[in-house]
Amino acid sequence: MRSSNHVIGLVNFLTFLLSIPILGGGIWLSSRANSTDCLRFLQWPLIVIGISIMVVSLAGFAGACYRNKFLMWLYLVVMLLIIAALIGFIIFAYAVTDKGSGRALLNRGYLDYYLQDYSGWLKDRVSDDGYWGKISSCIRDSGACRKIGRNFNGVPETADMFFIRKLSPVESGCCKPPTDCGYSYGNETVWTAGGGMIGSNPDCMLWSNDQSMLCYQCSACKAGVLGSLKKSWRKVSVINIVVLIILVIFYVIAYAAYRNVKRIDNHEPAGEARMTKSHPSHFHM
C-alpha cells in the first residue's frame, strides 16, 4: 500500500507542475487581452482550469501522504471533470477559430484581412457594435498603430520598405487602409487617395488619417483582431493538448494506484501487516 501511496503522491506532484503551463497560457492570453487581442473573457476558463488543477493536485498529494482515501477519491473525481473541461476548451478554441485567415498580396510582405472570410460565434462577438466599441478603444489605447512607425538614422521608412514588412493582423487591419483601396503611402499611418480613385471596399470610405480614427471602425480591423485571436488561441491550444495527453496518462496511473490501495485494504484487514511484524511466523526453515 505504501508504494501505491508513493505513486499517487508523485503523480499529484507532477500534475501540480503540469498546471503551471496551463496557468501560464491563461496569464499570457490575459496580458494580450490588455494590449493586443483586446478580448477580455477568453483567458478566464484557462486560468480557472489551471488553478483548479493546482488545488486538486495538492488535495490528492495530501491524501497520499496521510493515506486519506477520501482525498484520493476526491482527486480522481474532480480531476476527471477538469480533464473533461480542458477537452471542451480545446475543442471550443479550435471550433471558433477554425475559419478565416489573412490573404496574401502581390509584392507585399504583410497580409490583408477581410471580415467575410470569418464566420461563427467569435466573429459575431467581435462584430457586435457595443462590444467592438470597447475593443477598438483598447486597440487605440494600446498604441499598436503608434508603435508601427519606424525610422532609420532619423530617416522615415519608405513605401518600398514598408511594403515588405511582416505586420501583425491588428497592425495590418487597423493601422492602414486595405490594399485594394488604392491609397498612396505617406507614412505608416498616413495614406492619400491615389489619383482620386477609391476602391469599392466599404472600408475605403472609413479610413481616416486622423490618428485617433485610422481604420478602427473598418471591417478589416475586426478581421485583424480575429486573425490575432486565432494565432494566440492556436499557440495556447498546442500547449494544452500536450498537457492534456500527459494529464490523462498521469490520471490512469493514479487511478490504477488507487485501485491497488483499495484492493489491499479489502484483502488485508487494518493492522494485519503490523501484527505480522510484531508476531513473526512460528515456522522456521
C-alpha atoms as a PDB file:
ATOM      1  CA  MET A   1       0.000   0.000   0.000  1.00  0.00           C
ATOM      2  CA  ARG A   2       2.866   2.329   0.861  1.00  0.00           C
ATOM      3  CA  SER A   3       4.326   2.055  -2.648  1.00  0.00           C
ATOM      4  CA  SER A   4       0.889   2.836  -4.143  1.00  0.00           C
ATOM      5  CA  ASN A   5       0.663   5.917  -1.924  1.00  0.00           C
ATOM      6  CA  HIS A   6       4.097   6.974  -3.123  1.00  0.00           C
ATOM      7  CA  VAL A   7       2.971   6.592  -6.735  1.00  0.00           C
ATOM      8  CA  ILE A   8      -0.178   8.656  -6.129  1.00  0.00           C
ATOM      9  CA  GLY A   9       1.851  11.308  -4.293  1.00  0.00           C
ATOM     10  CA  LEU A  10       4.384  11.525  -7.126  1.00  0.00           C
ATOM     11  CA  VAL A  11       1.656  11.706  -9.774  1.00  0.00           C
ATOM     12  CA  ASN A  12      -0.090  14.506  -7.856  1.00  0.00           C
ATOM     13  CA  PHE A  13       3.152  16.443  -7.569  1.00  0.00           C
ATOM     14  CA  LEU A  14       3.801  16.096 -11.322  1.00  0.00           C
ATOM     15  CA  THR A  15       0.184  17.061 -12.042  1.00  0.00           C
ATOM     16  CA  PHE A  16       0.712  20.175  -9.919  1.00  0.00           C
ATOM     17  CA  LEU A  17       3.707  21.049 -12.118  1.00  0.00           C
ATOM     18  CA  LEU A  18       1.564  20.472 -15.227  1.00  0.00           C
ATOM     19  CA  SER A  19      -0.879  23.135 -14.069  1.00  0.00           C
ATOM     20  CA  ILE A  20       1.864  25.767 -14.438  1.00  0.00           C
ATOM     21  CA  PRO A  21       1.926  25.869 -18.299  1.00  0.00           C
ATOM     22  CA  ILE A  22      -1.902  25.948 -18.386  1.00  0.00           C
ATOM     23  CA  LEU A  23      -1.998  28.814 -15.896  1.00  0.00           C
ATOM     24  CA  GLY A  24       0.867  30.478 -17.773  1.00  0.00           C
ATOM     25  CA  GLY A  25      -1.099  30.226 -21.028  1.00  0.00           C
ATOM     26  CA  GLY A  26      -4.092  31.878 -19.372  1.00  0.00           C
ATOM     27  CA  ILE A  27      -1.941  34.675 -17.954  1.00  0.00           C
ATOM     28  CA  TRP A  28      -0.301  35.178 -21.373  1.00  0.00           C
ATOM     29  CA  LEU A  29      -3.733  35.464 -23.011  1.00  0.00           C
ATOM     30  CA  SER A  30      -4.727  37.886 -20.246  1.00  0.00           C
ATOM     31  CA  SER A  31      -1.703  40.085 -20.986  1.00  0.00           C
ATOM     32  CA  ARG A  32      -2.607  40.087 -24.688  1.00  0.00           C
ATOM     33  CA  ALA A  33      -6.217  40.882 -23.781  1.00  0.00           C
ATOM     34  CA  ASN A  34      -4.978  44.119 -22.261  1.00  0.00           C
ATOM     35  CA  SER A  35      -2.773  45.100 -25.188  1.00  0.00           C
ATOM     36  CA  THR A  36      -3.029  43.195 -28.479  1.00  0.00           C
ATOM     37  CA  ASP A  37      -6.118  40.976 -28.761  1.00  0.00           C
ATOM     38  CA  CYS A  38      -8.318  43.168 -26.530  1.00  0.00           C
ATOM     39  CA  LEU A  39     -10.826  40.406 -25.828  1.00  0.00           C
ATOM     40  CA  ARG A  40     -11.065  40.003 -22.072  1.00  0.00           C
ATOM     41  CA  PHE A  41     -13.085  36.854 -21.409  1.00  0.00           C
ATOM     42  CA  LEU A  42     -11.240  34.126 -23.327  1.00  0.00           C
ATOM     43  CA  GLN A  43      -8.413  33.700 -20.818  1.00  0.00           C
ATOM     44  CA  TRP A  44     -10.569  33.094 -17.736  1.00  0.00           C
ATOM     45  CA  PRO A  45     -11.606  29.462 -18.423  1.00  0.00           C
ATOM     46  CA  LEU A  46      -7.918  28.577 -18.819  1.00  0.00           C
ATOM     47  CA  ILE A  47      -6.898  30.374 -15.623  1.00  0.00           C
ATOM     48  CA  VAL A  48      -9.724  28.666 -13.681  1.00  0.00           C
ATOM     49  CA  ILE A  49      -8.702  25.235 -15.046  1.00  0.00           C
ATOM     50  CA  GLY A  50      -5.038  25.867 -14.147  1.00  0.00           C
ATOM     51  CA  ILE A  51      -5.854  26.943 -10.579  1.00  0.00           C
ATOM     52  CA  SER A  52      -8.281  24.007 -10.186  1.00  0.00           C
ATOM     53  CA  ILE A  53      -5.567  21.526 -11.205  1.00  0.00           C
ATOM     54  CA  MET A  54      -3.195  23.095  -8.665  1.00  0.00           C
ATOM     55  CA  VAL A  55      -5.715  22.886  -5.795  1.00  0.00           C
ATOM     56  CA  VAL A  56      -6.904  19.354  -6.629  1.00  0.00           C
ATOM     57  CA  SER A  57      -3.313  18.119  -7.017  1.00  0.00           C
ATOM     58  CA  LEU A  58      -2.439  19.454  -3.563  1.00  0.00           C
ATOM     59  CA  ALA A  59      -5.520  17.719  -2.115  1.00  0.00           C
ATOM     60  CA  GLY A  60      -4.502  14.438  -3.780  1.00  0.00           C
ATOM     61  CA  PHE A  61      -0.918  14.863  -2.586  1.00  0.00           C
ATOM     62  CA  ALA A  62      -2.147  15.376   0.983  1.00  0.00           C
ATOM     63  CA  GLY A  63      -4.379  12.301   0.628  1.00  0.00           C
ATOM     64  CA  ALA A  64      -1.406  10.199  -0.475  1.00  0.00           C
ATOM     65  CA  CYS A  65       0.869  11.489   2.306  1.00  0.00           C
ATOM     66  CA  TYR A  66      -1.695  10.940   5.063  1.00  0.00           C
ATOM     67  CA  ARG A  67      -3.234   7.833   3.463  1.00  0.00           C
ATOM     68  CA  ASN A  68      -6.590   9.546   3.305  1.00  0.00           C
ATOM     69  CA  LYS A  69      -8.611   7.565   0.787  1.00  0.00           C
ATOM     70  CA  PHE A  70     -11.360  10.189   0.635  1.00  0.00           C
ATOM     71  CA  LEU A  71      -8.918  12.852  -0.597  1.00  0.00           C
ATOM     72  CA  MET A  72      -7.524  10.375  -3.146  1.00  0.00           C
ATOM     73  CA  TRP A  73     -11.052   9.608  -4.357  1.00  0.00           C
ATOM     74  CA  LEU A  74     -11.885  13.330  -4.462  1.00  0.00           C
ATOM     75  CA  TYR A  75      -8.758  13.946  -6.551  1.00  0.00           C
ATOM     76  CA  LEU A  76      -9.787  11.289  -9.104  1.00  0.00           C
ATOM     77  CA  VAL A  77     -13.389  12.539  -9.404  1.00  0.00           C
ATOM     78  CA  VAL A  78     -12.571  16.252  -9.677  1.00  0.00           C
ATOM     79  CA  MET A  79      -9.582  15.664 -11.962  1.00  0.00           C
ATOM     80  CA  LEU A  80     -11.835  13.707 -14.335  1.00  0.00           C
ATOM     81  CA  LEU A  81     -14.143  16.749 -14.504  1.00  0.00           C
ATOM     82  CA  ILE A  82     -11.148  19.048 -15.081  1.00  0.00           C
ATOM     83  CA  ILE A  83      -9.864  16.825 -17.903  1.00  0.00           C
ATOM     84  CA  ALA A  84     -13.346  16.949 -19.477  1.00  0.00           C
ATOM     85  CA  ALA A  85     -13.375  20.755 -19.120  1.00  0.00           C
ATOM     86  CA  LEU A  86      -9.911  21.038 -20.713  1.00  0.00           C
ATOM     87  CA  ILE A  87     -11.011  18.838 -23.626  1.00  0.00           C
ATOM     88  CA  GLY A  88     -14.092  21.043 -24.028  1.00  0.00           C
ATOM     89  CA  PHE A  89     -11.985  24.207 -24.000  1.00  0.00           C
ATOM     90  CA  ILE A  90      -9.575  22.840 -26.628  1.00  0.00           C
ATOM     91  CA  ILE A  91     -12.463  21.788 -28.900  1.00  0.00           C
ATOM     92  CA  PHE A  92     -14.151  25.185 -28.396  1.00  0.00           C
ATOM     93  CA  ALA A  93     -10.925  27.068 -29.138  1.00  0.00           C
ATOM     94  CA  TYR A  94     -10.393  25.186 -32.400  1.00  0.00           C
ATOM     95  CA  ALA A  95     -14.065  25.386 -33.407  1.00  0.00           C
ATOM     96  CA  VAL A  96     -14.388  29.162 -33.036  1.00  0.00           C
ATOM     97  CA  THR A  97     -11.043  29.867 -34.752  1.00  0.00           C
ATOM     98  CA  ASP A  98     -11.479  27.276 -37.495  1.00  0.00           C
ATOM     99  CA  LYS A  99     -12.302  29.590 -40.399  1.00  0.00           C
ATOM    100  CA  GLY A 100     -10.568  32.665 -41.682  1.00  0.00           C
ATOM    101  CA  SER A 101      -7.027  33.815 -42.337  1.00  0.00           C
ATOM    102  CA  GLY A 102      -5.210  36.678 -43.984  1.00  0.00           C
ATOM    103  CA  ARG A 103      -4.993  36.999 -47.756  1.00  0.00           C
ATOM    104  CA  ALA A 104      -1.592  37.078 -49.426  1.00  0.00           C
ATOM    105  CA  LEU A 105      -0.888  40.141 -51.586  1.00  0.00           C
ATOM    106  CA  LEU A 106       1.309  40.648 -54.616  1.00  0.00           C
ATOM    107  CA  ASN A 107       4.594  42.369 -53.730  1.00  0.00           C
ATOM    108  CA  ARG A 108       3.624  42.743 -50.077  1.00  0.00           C
ATOM    109  CA  GLY A 109       5.210  41.142 -47.015  1.00  0.00           C
ATOM    110  CA  TYR A 110       2.021  41.530 -44.945  1.00  0.00           C
ATOM    111  CA  LEU A 111      -1.443  40.025 -45.339  1.00  0.00           C
ATOM    112  CA  ASP A 112      -4.782  41.812 -45.690  1.00  0.00           C
ATOM    113  CA  TYR A 113      -7.728  40.727 -43.542  1.00  0.00           C
ATOM    114  CA  TYR A 114     -11.383  40.597 -44.585  1.00  0.00           C
ATOM    115  CA  LEU A 115     -14.283  40.084 -42.184  1.00  0.00           C
ATOM    116  CA  GLN A 116     -16.246  37.989 -44.708  1.00  0.00           C
ATOM    117  CA  ASP A 117     -13.504  35.346 -44.527  1.00  0.00           C
ATOM    118  CA  TYR A 118     -14.505  34.643 -40.916  1.00  0.00           C
ATOM    119  CA  SER A 119     -17.684  33.147 -39.530  1.00  0.00           C
ATOM    120  CA  GLY A 120     -19.267  31.813 -36.383  1.00  0.00           C
ATOM    121  CA  TRP A 121     -19.714  32.851 -32.785  1.00  0.00           C
ATOM    122  CA  LEU A 122     -16.404  34.669 -32.350  1.00  0.00           C
ATOM    123  CA  LYS A 123     -16.977  36.798 -35.450  1.00  0.00           C
ATOM    124  CA  ASP A 124     -20.445  37.770 -34.171  1.00  0.00           C
ATOM    125  CA  ARG A 125     -18.985  38.569 -30.772  1.00  0.00           C
ATOM    126  CA  VAL A 126     -16.240  40.818 -32.144  1.00  0.00           C
ATOM    127  CA  SER A 127     -18.546  42.470 -34.711  1.00  0.00           C
ATOM    128  CA  ASP A 128     -21.203  43.402 -32.156  1.00  0.00           C
ATOM    129  CA  ASP A 129     -21.335  47.221 -32.131  1.00  0.00           C
ATOM    130  CA  GLY A 130     -21.390  47.541 -28.349  1.00  0.00           C
ATOM    131  CA  TYR A 131     -18.541  45.107 -27.887  1.00  0.00           C
ATOM    132  CA  TRP A 132     -16.496  46.498 -30.764  1.00  0.00           C
ATOM    133  CA  GLY A 133     -16.563  49.942 -29.168  1.00  0.00           C
ATOM    134  CA  LYS A 134     -14.647  48.522 -26.186  1.00  0.00           C
ATOM    135  CA  ILE A 135     -12.248  46.516 -28.384  1.00  0.00           C
ATOM    136  CA  SER A 136     -11.426  49.450 -30.689  1.00  0.00           C
ATOM    137  CA  SER A 137     -10.837  51.721 -27.677  1.00  0.00           C
ATOM    138  CA  CYS A 138      -8.491  49.094 -26.245  1.00  0.00           C
ATOM    139  CA  ILE A 139      -6.526  48.879 -29.512  1.00  0.00           C
ATOM    140  CA  ARG A 140      -6.287  52.671 -29.733  1.00  0.00           C
ATOM    141  CA  ASP A 141      -5.175  52.970 -26.087  1.00  0.00           C
ATOM    142  CA  SER A 142      -2.601  50.190 -26.506  1.00  0.00           C
ATOM    143  CA  GLY A 143      -0.751  52.358 -29.050  1.00  0.00           C
ATOM    144  CA  ALA A 144      -0.444  49.465 -31.529  1.00  0.00           C
ATOM    145  CA  CYS A 145      -0.603  51.831 -34.505  1.00  0.00           C
ATOM    146  CA  ARG A 146       1.618  54.432 -32.916  1.00  0.00           C
ATOM    147  CA  LYS A 147       4.316  51.786 -32.433  1.00  0.00           C
ATOM    148  CA  ILE A 148       4.193  50.770 -36.091  1.00  0.00           C
ATOM    149  CA  GLY A 149       6.290  53.777 -37.151  1.00  0.00           C
ATOM    150  CA  ARG A 150       9.971  53.235 -37.982  1.00  0.00           C
ATOM    151  CA  ASN A 151      12.870  55.415 -38.999  1.00  0.00           C
ATOM    152  CA  PHE A 152      16.465  54.701 -39.857  1.00  0.00           C
ATOM    153  CA  ASN A 153      19.049  57.227 -38.645  1.00  0.00           C
ATOM    154  CA  GLY A 154      16.271  59.798 -38.474  1.00  0.00           C
ATOM    155  CA  VAL A 155      15.018  58.985 -41.993  1.00  0.00           C
ATOM    156  CA  PRO A 156      11.380  57.816 -42.153  1.00  0.00           C
ATOM    157  CA  GLU A 157      10.588  54.404 -43.616  1.00  0.00           C
ATOM    158  CA  THR A 158       9.960  54.441 -47.370  1.00  0.00           C
ATOM    159  CA  ALA A 159       6.970  52.846 -49.100  1.00  0.00           C
ATOM    160  CA  ASP A 160       9.092  50.023 -50.519  1.00  0.00           C
ATOM    161  CA  MET A 161      10.482  49.250 -47.080  1.00  0.00           C
ATOM    162  CA  PHE A 162       7.015  49.291 -45.525  1.00  0.00           C
ATOM    163  CA  PHE A 163       5.524  47.030 -48.205  1.00  0.00           C
ATOM    164  CA  ILE A 164       7.913  44.161 -47.384  1.00  0.00           C
ATOM    165  CA  ARG A 165       7.273  44.294 -43.633  1.00  0.00           C
ATOM    166  CA  LYS A 166       5.611  41.456 -41.729  1.00  0.00           C
ATOM    167  CA  LEU A 167       2.759  43.242 -39.964  1.00  0.00           C
ATOM    168  CA  SER A 168       0.675  41.676 -37.217  1.00  0.00           C
ATOM    169  CA  PRO A 169      -3.021  41.104 -38.064  1.00  0.00           C
ATOM    170  CA  VAL A 170      -4.055  44.091 -35.903  1.00  0.00           C
ATOM    171  CA  GLU A 171      -1.415  46.368 -37.470  1.00  0.00           C
ATOM    172  CA  SER A 172      -2.482  45.342 -40.976  1.00  0.00           C
ATOM    173  CA  GLY A 173      -6.217  45.594 -40.355  1.00  0.00           C
ATOM    174  CA  CYS A 174      -6.413  48.652 -38.108  1.00  0.00           C
ATOM    175  CA  CYS A 175      -3.415  50.885 -38.862  1.00  0.00           C
ATOM    176  CA  LYS A 176      -3.559  51.170 -42.661  1.00  0.00           C
ATOM    177  CA  PRO A 177      -6.276  51.113 -45.342  1.00  0.00           C
ATOM    178  CA  PRO A 178      -6.929  47.856 -47.227  1.00  0.00           C
ATOM    179  CA  THR A 179      -4.564  47.467 -50.178  1.00  0.00           C
ATOM    180  CA  ASP A 180      -7.433  47.195 -52.683  1.00  0.00           C
ATOM    181  CA  CYS A 181      -8.464  50.780 -51.833  1.00  0.00           C
ATOM    182  CA  GLY A 182      -5.528  52.050 -53.897  1.00  0.00           C
ATOM    183  CA  TYR A 183      -4.315  54.617 -51.362  1.00  0.00           C
ATOM    184  CA  SER A 184      -0.814  56.059 -51.727  1.00  0.00           C
ATOM    185  CA  TYR A 185       1.709  55.687 -48.922  1.00  0.00           C
ATOM    186  CA  GLY A 186       2.647  58.839 -46.982  1.00  0.00           C
ATOM    187  CA  ASN A 187       3.976  57.107 -43.902  1.00  0.00           C
ATOM    188  CA  GLU A 188       2.905  54.064 -41.899  1.00  0.00           C
ATOM    189  CA  THR A 189      -0.376  55.643 -40.747  1.00  0.00           C
ATOM    190  CA  VAL A 190      -0.885  58.420 -43.311  1.00  0.00           C
ATOM    191  CA  TRP A 191      -2.283  57.465 -46.723  1.00  0.00           C
ATOM    192  CA  THR A 192      -3.838  59.521 -49.511  1.00  0.00           C
ATOM    193  CA  ALA A 193      -6.311  58.556 -52.219  1.00  0.00           C
ATOM    194  CA  GLY A 194      -4.300  57.777 -55.349  1.00  0.00           C
ATOM    195  CA  GLY A 195      -5.481  59.776 -58.360  1.00  0.00           C
ATOM    196  CA  GLY A 196      -8.872  60.406 -56.815  1.00  0.00           C
ATOM    197  CA  MET A 197      -9.878  56.761 -57.317  1.00  0.00           C
ATOM    198  CA  ILE A 198     -11.082  54.793 -54.277  1.00  0.00           C
ATOM    199  CA  GLY A 199     -11.827  51.075 -54.346  1.00  0.00           C
ATOM    200  CA  SER A 200     -15.291  49.578 -53.874  1.00  0.00           C
ATOM    201  CA  ASN A 201     -14.413  48.134 -50.473  1.00  0.00           C
ATOM    202  CA  PRO A 202     -16.631  49.933 -47.875  1.00  0.00           C
ATOM    203  CA  ASP A 203     -13.575  50.255 -45.620  1.00  0.00           C
ATOM    204  CA  CYS A 204     -12.055  52.671 -48.138  1.00  0.00           C
ATOM    205  CA  MET A 205     -14.558  55.341 -47.087  1.00  0.00           C
ATOM    206  CA  LEU A 206     -13.964  54.636 -43.391  1.00  0.00           C
ATOM    207  CA  TRP A 207     -10.216  55.199 -43.483  1.00  0.00           C
ATOM    208  CA  SER A 208      -9.054  58.440 -41.840  1.00  0.00           C
ATOM    209  CA  ASN A 209      -5.616  59.990 -41.427  1.00  0.00           C
ATOM    210  CA  ASP A 210      -6.822  61.250 -38.051  1.00  0.00           C
ATOM    211  CA  GLN A 211      -4.553  59.240 -35.745  1.00  0.00           C
ATOM    212  CA  SER A 212      -7.411  58.681 -33.306  1.00  0.00           C
ATOM    213  CA  MET A 213      -9.578  57.186 -36.081  1.00  0.00           C
ATOM    214  CA  LEU A 214      -7.398  55.427 -38.716  1.00  0.00           C
ATOM    215  CA  CYS A 215      -9.248  52.210 -39.636  1.00  0.00           C
ATOM    216  CA  TYR A 216     -10.593  51.401 -36.159  1.00  0.00           C
ATOM    217  CA  GLN A 217     -14.166  51.263 -37.496  1.00  0.00           C
ATOM    218  CA  CYS A 218     -13.222  49.192 -40.540  1.00  0.00           C
ATOM    219  CA  SER A 219     -14.295  45.599 -41.041  1.00  0.00           C
ATOM    220  CA  ALA A 220     -10.610  44.922 -41.778  1.00  0.00           C
ATOM    221  CA  CYS A 221      -9.746  45.922 -38.216  1.00  0.00           C
ATOM    222  CA  LYS A 222     -12.316  43.492 -36.820  1.00  0.00           C
ATOM    223  CA  ALA A 223     -10.887  40.803 -39.100  1.00  0.00           C
ATOM    224  CA  GLY A 224      -7.390  41.682 -37.872  1.00  0.00           C
ATOM    225  CA  VAL A 225      -8.493  41.159 -34.265  1.00  0.00           C
ATOM    226  CA  LEU A 226      -9.984  37.782 -35.251  1.00  0.00           C
ATOM    227  CA  GLY A 227      -6.736  36.865 -37.008  1.00  0.00           C
ATOM    228  CA  SER A 228      -4.721  37.818 -33.919  1.00  0.00           C
ATOM    229  CA  LEU A 229      -7.051  35.824 -31.666  1.00  0.00           C
ATOM    230  CA  LYS A 230      -6.683  32.782 -33.898  1.00  0.00           C
ATOM    231  CA  LYS A 231      -2.892  32.929 -33.623  1.00  0.00           C
ATOM    232  CA  SER A 232      -2.985  33.352 -29.835  1.00  0.00           C
ATOM    233  CA  TRP A 233      -5.530  30.605 -29.245  1.00  0.00           C
ATOM    234  CA  ARG A 234      -3.761  28.127 -31.524  1.00  0.00           C
ATOM    235  CA  LYS A 235      -0.449  28.651 -29.709  1.00  0.00           C
ATOM    236  CA  VAL A 236      -2.079  28.075 -26.324  1.00  0.00           C
ATOM    237  CA  SER A 237      -4.098  25.100 -27.628  1.00  0.00           C
ATOM    238  CA  VAL A 238      -0.937  23.277 -28.749  1.00  0.00           C
ATOM    239  CA  ILE A 239       0.419  23.534 -25.191  1.00  0.00           C
ATOM    240  CA  ASN A 240      -2.955  22.462 -23.782  1.00  0.00           C
ATOM    241  CA  ILE A 241      -3.093  19.362 -25.996  1.00  0.00           C
ATOM    242  CA  VAL A 242       0.369  18.245 -24.862  1.00  0.00           C
ATOM    243  CA  VAL A 243      -0.561  18.877 -21.207  1.00  0.00           C
ATOM    244  CA  LEU A 244      -3.876  17.045 -21.690  1.00  0.00           C
ATOM    245  CA  ILE A 245      -2.160  13.907 -23.038  1.00  0.00           C
ATOM    246  CA  ILE A 246       0.283  13.833 -20.103  1.00  0.00           C
ATOM    247  CA  LEU A 247      -2.563  14.586 -17.675  1.00  0.00           C
ATOM    248  CA  VAL A 248      -4.582  11.615 -18.944  1.00  0.00           C
ATOM    249  CA  ILE A 249      -1.545   9.314 -18.576  1.00  0.00           C
ATOM    250  CA  PHE A 250      -0.994  10.538 -15.010  1.00  0.00           C
ATOM    251  CA  TYR A 251      -4.686  10.095 -14.261  1.00  0.00           C
ATOM    252  CA  VAL A 252      -4.643   6.462 -15.438  1.00  0.00           C
ATOM    253  CA  ILE A 253      -1.554   5.767 -13.274  1.00  0.00           C
ATOM    254  CA  ALA A 254      -3.167   7.435 -10.226  1.00  0.00           C
ATOM    255  CA  TYR A 255      -6.409   5.521 -10.780  1.00  0.00           C
ATOM    256  CA  ALA A 256      -4.535   2.197 -11.008  1.00  0.00           C
ATOM    257  CA  ALA A 257      -2.609   3.011  -7.818  1.00  0.00           C
ATOM    258  CA  TYR A 258      -5.836   3.975  -6.030  1.00  0.00           C
ATOM    259  CA  ARG A 259      -7.472   0.706  -7.109  1.00  0.00           C
ATOM    260  CA  ASN A 260      -4.443  -1.129  -5.755  1.00  0.00           C
ATOM    261  CA  VAL A 261      -4.800   0.654  -2.399  1.00  0.00           C
ATOM    262  CA  LYS A 262      -8.473  -0.347  -2.237  1.00  0.00           C
ATOM    263  CA  ARG A 263      -7.677  -3.939  -3.208  1.00  0.00           C
ATOM    264  CA  ILE A 264      -5.065  -4.246  -0.490  1.00  0.00           C
ATOM    265  CA  ASP A 265      -7.403  -2.709   2.084  1.00  0.00           C
ATOM    266  CA  ASN A 266     -10.184  -5.114   1.118  1.00  0.00           C
ATOM    267  CA  HIS A 267      -7.980  -8.214   1.422  1.00  0.00           C
ATOM    268  CA  GLU A 268      -5.856  -7.193   4.402  1.00  0.00           C
ATOM    269  CA  PRO A 269      -7.795  -6.013   7.465  1.00  0.00           C
ATOM    270  CA  ALA A 270      -6.382  -2.974   9.238  1.00  0.00           C
ATOM    271  CA  GLY A 271      -3.434  -3.843  11.445  1.00  0.00           C
ATOM    272  CA  GLU A 272      -2.628  -7.158   9.741  1.00  0.00           C
ATOM    273  CA  ALA A 273       0.715  -6.019   8.414  1.00  0.00           C
ATOM    274  CA  ARG A 274       1.740  -4.642  11.810  1.00  0.00           C
ATOM    275  CA  MET A 275       0.654  -7.842  13.592  1.00  0.00           C
ATOM    276  CA  THR A 276       2.739  -9.905  11.209  1.00  0.00           C
ATOM    277  CA  LYS A 277       5.791  -7.852  12.120  1.00  0.00           C
ATOM    278  CA  SER A 278       5.010  -7.969  15.848  1.00  0.00           C
ATOM    279  CA  HIS A 279       4.432 -11.735  15.874  1.00  0.00           C
ATOM    280  CA  PRO A 280       6.753 -13.403  13.361  1.00  0.00           C
ATOM    281  CA  SER A 281       5.766 -16.697  11.896  1.00  0.00           C
ATOM    282  CA  HIS A 282       6.424 -19.782  14.130  1.00  0.00           C
ATOM    283  CA  PHE A 283       7.530 -21.776  11.142  1.00  0.00           C
ATOM    284  CA  HIS A 284      11.259 -21.842  10.667  1.00  0.00           C
ATOM    285  CA  MET A 285      13.318 -23.379   7.963  1.00  0.00           C
END
